[in-house]
Amino acid sequence: VSTIGSEPGSDVPLPATLPAKLGTITLKDREAVFTPAPGVALQAATLHDDATPNYEVIKTGTVSFYLIERGGRYGIRVKDTQSPARVNFAGLDWYQPDPTWVVDAKLTPAPHKVKFDTEVGVTQDGDSPGYLEFDRAGEHFKLEPVTEDGELFLVIRDATSGKTTYSASRFLYASLPDANGVTRLDFNRAYNPPCVFTAYATCPLPPQQNRITVAIEAGEKKYKSAAN
């Protein structure tokens, strides 16, 4: 049983604007049961994780929370529309678009599983259809995508990471390959993962294949208020 509320020491801490004791959350058989504390005007509810269609979200004031599952472990994700990070959002910063970083890549089929380490220490799995290969400015690149929601998804790190871009990784989506096995990668669309903005995000880290020694000076730069 986990406690949830604004009281110091709560297992799921909430902003000070909410009750000290909002209730409890009990995990059993891949479901979580939220039981409100006496006097709290919320209904008891069974929570299914965020991979479930129409999963349950409990809302109170500016705060909402729901069940997540990552690598076989469960947690409660809390969002607050009036959180300091949101209210003090500093805006995003991008490189000027560079057309030389829009490339056509050929998929070499080799279906396999990819294991991602994450910022919070859990492991996530993904299904890769193979490797994307292309040449640019005399360099040969071979990247390892996974399929996600009908697209290709890449987690990358390059020589700008920790300098002008976020140190851990950037994300990039691309269309599934055409009949000739070709897809277009537009690195100008590479963007920062959610862990730039919060320590509670479960962001995947790039597999070794996607740790690039070349500087990809395209896409999103560091967030202005982030340490990394």
Protein backbone atom coordinates (compact mmCIF):
# COMPACT_ATOMS: atom_id res chain seq x y z
CA VAL A 1 0.00 0.00 0.00
CA SER A 2 1.39 3.40 -1.01
CA THR A 3 0.29 6.72 0.42
CA ILE A 4 -0.48 9.68 -1.83
CA GLY A 5 -0.73 13.30 -0.70
CA SER A 6 1.15 16.51 0.02
CA GLU A 7 2.30 15.33 3.44
CA PRO A 8 6.12 14.99 3.64
CA GLY A 9 7.10 11.34 3.32
CA SER A 10 4.19 10.37 1.10
CA ASP A 11 5.06 7.55 -1.29
CA VAL A 12 3.48 9.56 -4.10
CA PRO A 13 4.14 13.23 -3.27
CA LEU A 14 1.68 15.85 -4.46
CA PRO A 15 1.82 19.67 -4.52
CA ALA A 16 1.15 21.53 -1.27
CA THR A 17 -2.17 22.80 -2.65
CA LEU A 18 -3.66 19.31 -2.21
CA PRO A 19 -4.64 17.48 1.01
CA ALA A 20 -1.85 16.10 3.19
CA LYS A 21 -3.48 12.69 2.92
CA LEU A 22 -5.29 12.25 -0.39
CA GLY A 23 -5.57 8.49 -0.08
CA THR A 24 -3.79 5.21 -0.73
CA ILE A 25 -2.91 3.17 -3.80
CA THR A 26 -2.74 -0.62 -3.63
CA LEU A 27 -1.14 -2.60 -6.46
CA LYS A 28 -2.42 -6.11 -7.11
CA ASP A 29 -2.41 -8.29 -10.23
CA ARG A 30 -1.22 -5.48 -12.52
CA GLU A 31 -3.97 -3.15 -11.35
CA ALA A 32 -3.89 -0.37 -8.79
CA VAL A 33 -6.80 0.54 -6.54
CA PHE A 34 -7.04 4.14 -5.40
CA THR A 35 -8.88 4.61 -2.09
CA PRO A 36 -9.53 8.23 -1.06
CA ALA A 37 -8.82 9.32 2.48
CA PRO A 38 -11.77 10.28 4.72
CA GLY A 39 -13.13 13.67 3.75
CA VAL A 40 -11.54 13.67 0.29
CA ALA A 41 -14.16 14.28 -2.41
CA LEU A 42 -12.92 11.67 -4.86
CA GLN A 43 -14.30 8.28 -5.84
CA ALA A 44 -12.44 5.01 -5.30
CA ALA A 45 -11.17 3.71 -8.61
CA THR A 46 -9.28 0.82 -10.20
CA LEU A 47 -6.39 2.04 -12.34
CA HIS A 48 -5.02 0.21 -15.39
CA ASP A 49 -1.64 1.17 -16.81
CA ASP A 50 -1.19 3.71 -19.60
CA ALA A 51 -0.78 1.03 -22.27
CA THR A 52 -4.46 0.17 -21.76
CA PRO A 53 -6.92 1.92 -24.09
CA ASN A 54 -8.87 4.62 -22.22
CA TYR A 55 -6.86 4.05 -19.05
CA GLU A 56 -8.14 5.79 -15.93
CA VAL A 57 -6.87 9.24 -14.92
CA ILE A 58 -7.79 10.75 -11.55
CA LYS A 59 -8.03 14.54 -11.50
CA THR A 60 -8.19 16.91 -8.58
CA GLY A 61 -7.66 20.64 -8.97
CA THR A 62 -4.76 21.26 -11.36
CA VAL A 63 -3.31 17.79 -10.69
CA SER A 64 -3.92 14.47 -12.42
CA PHE A 65 -2.34 11.07 -11.85
CA TYR A 66 -2.46 7.60 -13.40
CA LEU A 67 -0.76 4.21 -13.40
CA ILE A 68 2.25 3.50 -15.65
CA GLU A 69 4.21 0.31 -16.33
CA ARG A 70 7.83 0.35 -17.49
CA GLY A 71 9.94 -2.79 -17.75
CA GLY A 72 7.63 -4.79 -15.52
CA ARG A 73 7.65 -2.14 -12.79
CA TYR A 74 4.72 0.08 -11.87
CA GLY A 75 4.52 3.67 -10.79
CA ILE A 76 2.15 6.61 -10.51
CA ARG A 77 2.72 9.49 -12.91
CA VAL A 78 1.65 12.87 -11.56
CA LYS A 79 1.01 15.92 -13.75
CA ASP A 80 0.27 19.45 -12.60
CA THR A 81 -0.77 22.17 -15.03
CA GLN A 82 0.55 24.74 -12.54
CA SER A 83 3.88 23.06 -11.77
CA PRO A 84 6.89 25.43 -11.58
CA ALA A 85 8.46 23.69 -14.59
CA ARG A 86 5.39 24.43 -16.68
CA VAL A 87 4.71 27.93 -15.39
CA ASN A 88 8.36 28.92 -15.84
CA PHE A 89 8.81 27.16 -19.21
CA ALA A 90 11.75 28.83 -20.93
CA GLY A 91 10.98 27.92 -24.54
CA LEU A 92 12.76 25.61 -26.98
CA ASP A 93 15.92 26.17 -28.99
CA TRP A 94 16.71 24.59 -32.36
CA TYR A 95 19.52 24.63 -34.90
CA GLN A 96 18.74 26.40 -38.14
CA PRO A 97 17.34 23.78 -40.57
CA ASP A 98 20.13 22.05 -42.49
CA PRO A 99 18.99 20.29 -45.69
CA THR A 100 22.17 18.18 -45.72
CA TRP A 101 20.82 16.37 -42.66
CA VAL A 102 17.78 15.17 -44.59
CA VAL A 103 18.90 11.79 -45.92
CA ASP A 104 17.43 8.67 -47.49
CA ALA A 105 18.31 5.53 -45.55
CA LYS A 106 18.01 1.93 -46.70
CA LEU A 107 16.69 -0.68 -44.31
CA THR A 108 18.72 -3.87 -44.07
CA PRO A 109 16.16 -6.37 -42.73
CA ALA A 110 17.28 -8.12 -39.55
CA PRO A 111 14.36 -8.41 -37.11
CA HIS A 112 15.52 -8.52 -33.51
CA LYS A 113 14.79 -7.24 -30.01
CA VAL A 114 16.43 -4.10 -28.66
CA LYS A 115 16.89 -3.53 -24.93
CA PHE A 116 17.03 0.08 -23.81
CA ASP A 117 18.51 1.20 -20.54
CA THR A 118 16.65 4.21 -19.14
CA GLU A 119 17.32 7.33 -17.11
CA VAL A 120 15.60 5.75 -14.08
CA GLY A 121 17.36 2.39 -14.20
CA VAL A 122 14.64 0.14 -15.62
CA THR A 123 14.99 -1.67 -18.95
CA GLN A 124 12.60 -1.30 -21.86
CA ASP A 125 12.24 -3.60 -24.87
CA GLY A 126 11.60 -2.70 -28.50
CA ASP A 127 11.19 -4.59 -31.77
CA SER A 128 13.66 -3.61 -34.48
CA PRO A 129 13.07 -4.47 -38.15
CA GLY A 130 16.81 -4.22 -38.89
CA TYR A 131 19.32 -1.45 -39.56
CA LEU A 132 19.08 1.85 -41.40
CA GLU A 133 22.16 2.69 -43.47
CA PHE A 134 23.13 5.82 -45.38
CA ASP A 135 26.15 7.85 -46.44
CA ARG A 136 26.68 11.54 -45.78
CA ALA A 137 29.74 13.74 -46.34
CA GLY A 138 32.00 10.72 -46.74
CA GLU A 139 30.75 9.02 -43.56
CA HIS A 140 28.77 5.78 -43.45
CA PHE A 141 26.02 5.52 -40.84
CA LYS A 142 24.27 2.43 -39.55
CA LEU A 143 21.44 3.04 -37.07
CA GLU A 144 19.16 0.75 -35.11
CA PRO A 145 15.48 1.78 -35.12
CA VAL A 146 12.51 0.17 -33.45
CA THR A 147 8.92 0.18 -34.65
CA GLU A 148 6.46 2.20 -32.61
CA ASP A 149 2.87 3.09 -33.48
CA GLY A 150 3.35 2.43 -37.20
CA GLU A 151 6.58 4.43 -37.48
CA LEU A 152 10.30 3.96 -37.02
CA PHE A 153 11.69 5.38 -33.78
CA LEU A 154 15.34 6.14 -33.12
CA VAL A 155 17.09 7.10 -29.90
CA ILE A 156 20.40 8.77 -30.78
CA ARG A 157 23.42 10.41 -29.20
CA ASP A 158 26.13 12.24 -31.16
CA ALA A 159 29.18 14.48 -30.78
CA THR A 160 27.01 17.48 -29.85
CA SER A 161 25.50 15.61 -26.86
CA GLY A 162 26.38 17.31 -23.59
CA LYS A 163 27.66 20.35 -25.48
CA THR A 164 24.98 22.03 -27.55
CA THR A 165 22.38 19.26 -27.23
CA TYR A 166 21.00 17.23 -24.33
CA SER A 167 23.64 14.86 -22.98
CA ALA A 168 21.58 11.67 -22.70
CA SER A 169 19.84 11.40 -26.07
CA ARG A 170 17.51 12.83 -28.65
CA PHE A 171 14.52 11.16 -30.32
CA LEU A 172 13.68 10.93 -34.02
CA TYR A 173 10.72 9.41 -35.86
CA ALA A 174 10.57 8.36 -39.51
CA SER A 175 8.09 6.68 -41.82
CA LEU A 176 8.20 2.94 -42.36
CA PRO A 177 10.33 2.01 -45.41
CA ASP A 178 8.74 2.05 -48.85
CA ALA A 179 8.60 -0.91 -51.24
CA ASN A 180 12.30 -0.44 -51.96
CA GLY A 181 13.22 -0.49 -48.28
CA VAL A 182 13.98 3.25 -48.20
CA THR A 183 12.86 5.85 -45.65
CA ARG A 184 13.75 9.50 -45.17
CA LEU A 185 15.50 10.60 -41.98
CA ASP A 186 15.20 14.31 -41.22
CA PHE A 187 17.58 15.02 -38.36
CA ASN A 188 16.25 18.58 -38.23
CA ARG A 189 13.28 16.95 -36.46
CA ALA A 190 15.41 15.31 -33.74
CA TYR A 191 14.01 16.44 -30.40
CA ASN A 192 14.62 16.22 -26.68
CA PRO A 193 13.10 13.41 -24.57
CA PRO A 194 10.75 14.19 -21.66
CA CYS A 195 13.53 13.61 -19.10
CA VAL A 196 14.90 17.03 -20.09
CA PHE A 197 12.00 18.54 -18.18
CA THR A 198 11.52 16.16 -15.22
CA ALA A 199 13.51 13.65 -13.20
CA TYR A 200 10.50 11.31 -13.17
CA ALA A 201 10.38 10.45 -16.88
CA THR A 202 11.46 6.95 -17.96
CA CYS A 203 13.45 7.96 -21.04
CA PRO A 204 15.26 5.26 -23.05
CA LEU A 205 18.98 5.72 -23.61
CA PRO A 206 20.48 5.06 -27.06
CA PRO A 207 21.70 1.56 -27.88
CA GLN A 208 25.40 1.35 -28.66
CA GLN A 209 24.70 1.29 -32.40
CA ASN A 210 23.12 4.75 -32.20
CA ARG A 211 25.96 6.49 -30.33
CA ILE A 212 27.35 8.49 -33.21
CA THR A 213 30.84 10.06 -33.21
CA VAL A 214 29.87 12.71 -35.79
CA ALA A 215 28.31 16.01 -34.68
CA ILE A 216 24.70 16.21 -35.85
CA GLU A 217 24.22 19.98 -35.79
CA ALA A 218 20.52 19.75 -36.57
CA GLY A 219 17.36 19.45 -34.56
CA GLU A 220 16.66 20.54 -31.00
CA LYS A 221 19.37 21.98 -28.76
CA LYS A 222 19.61 21.92 -24.97
CA TYR A 223 16.64 23.18 -23.00
CA LYS A 224 17.61 26.57 -21.58
CA SER A 225 16.81 25.68 -17.98
CA ALA A 226 18.33 22.17 -18.03
CA ALA A 227 21.67 21.34 -16.40
CA ASN A 228 22.60 18.89 -19.15
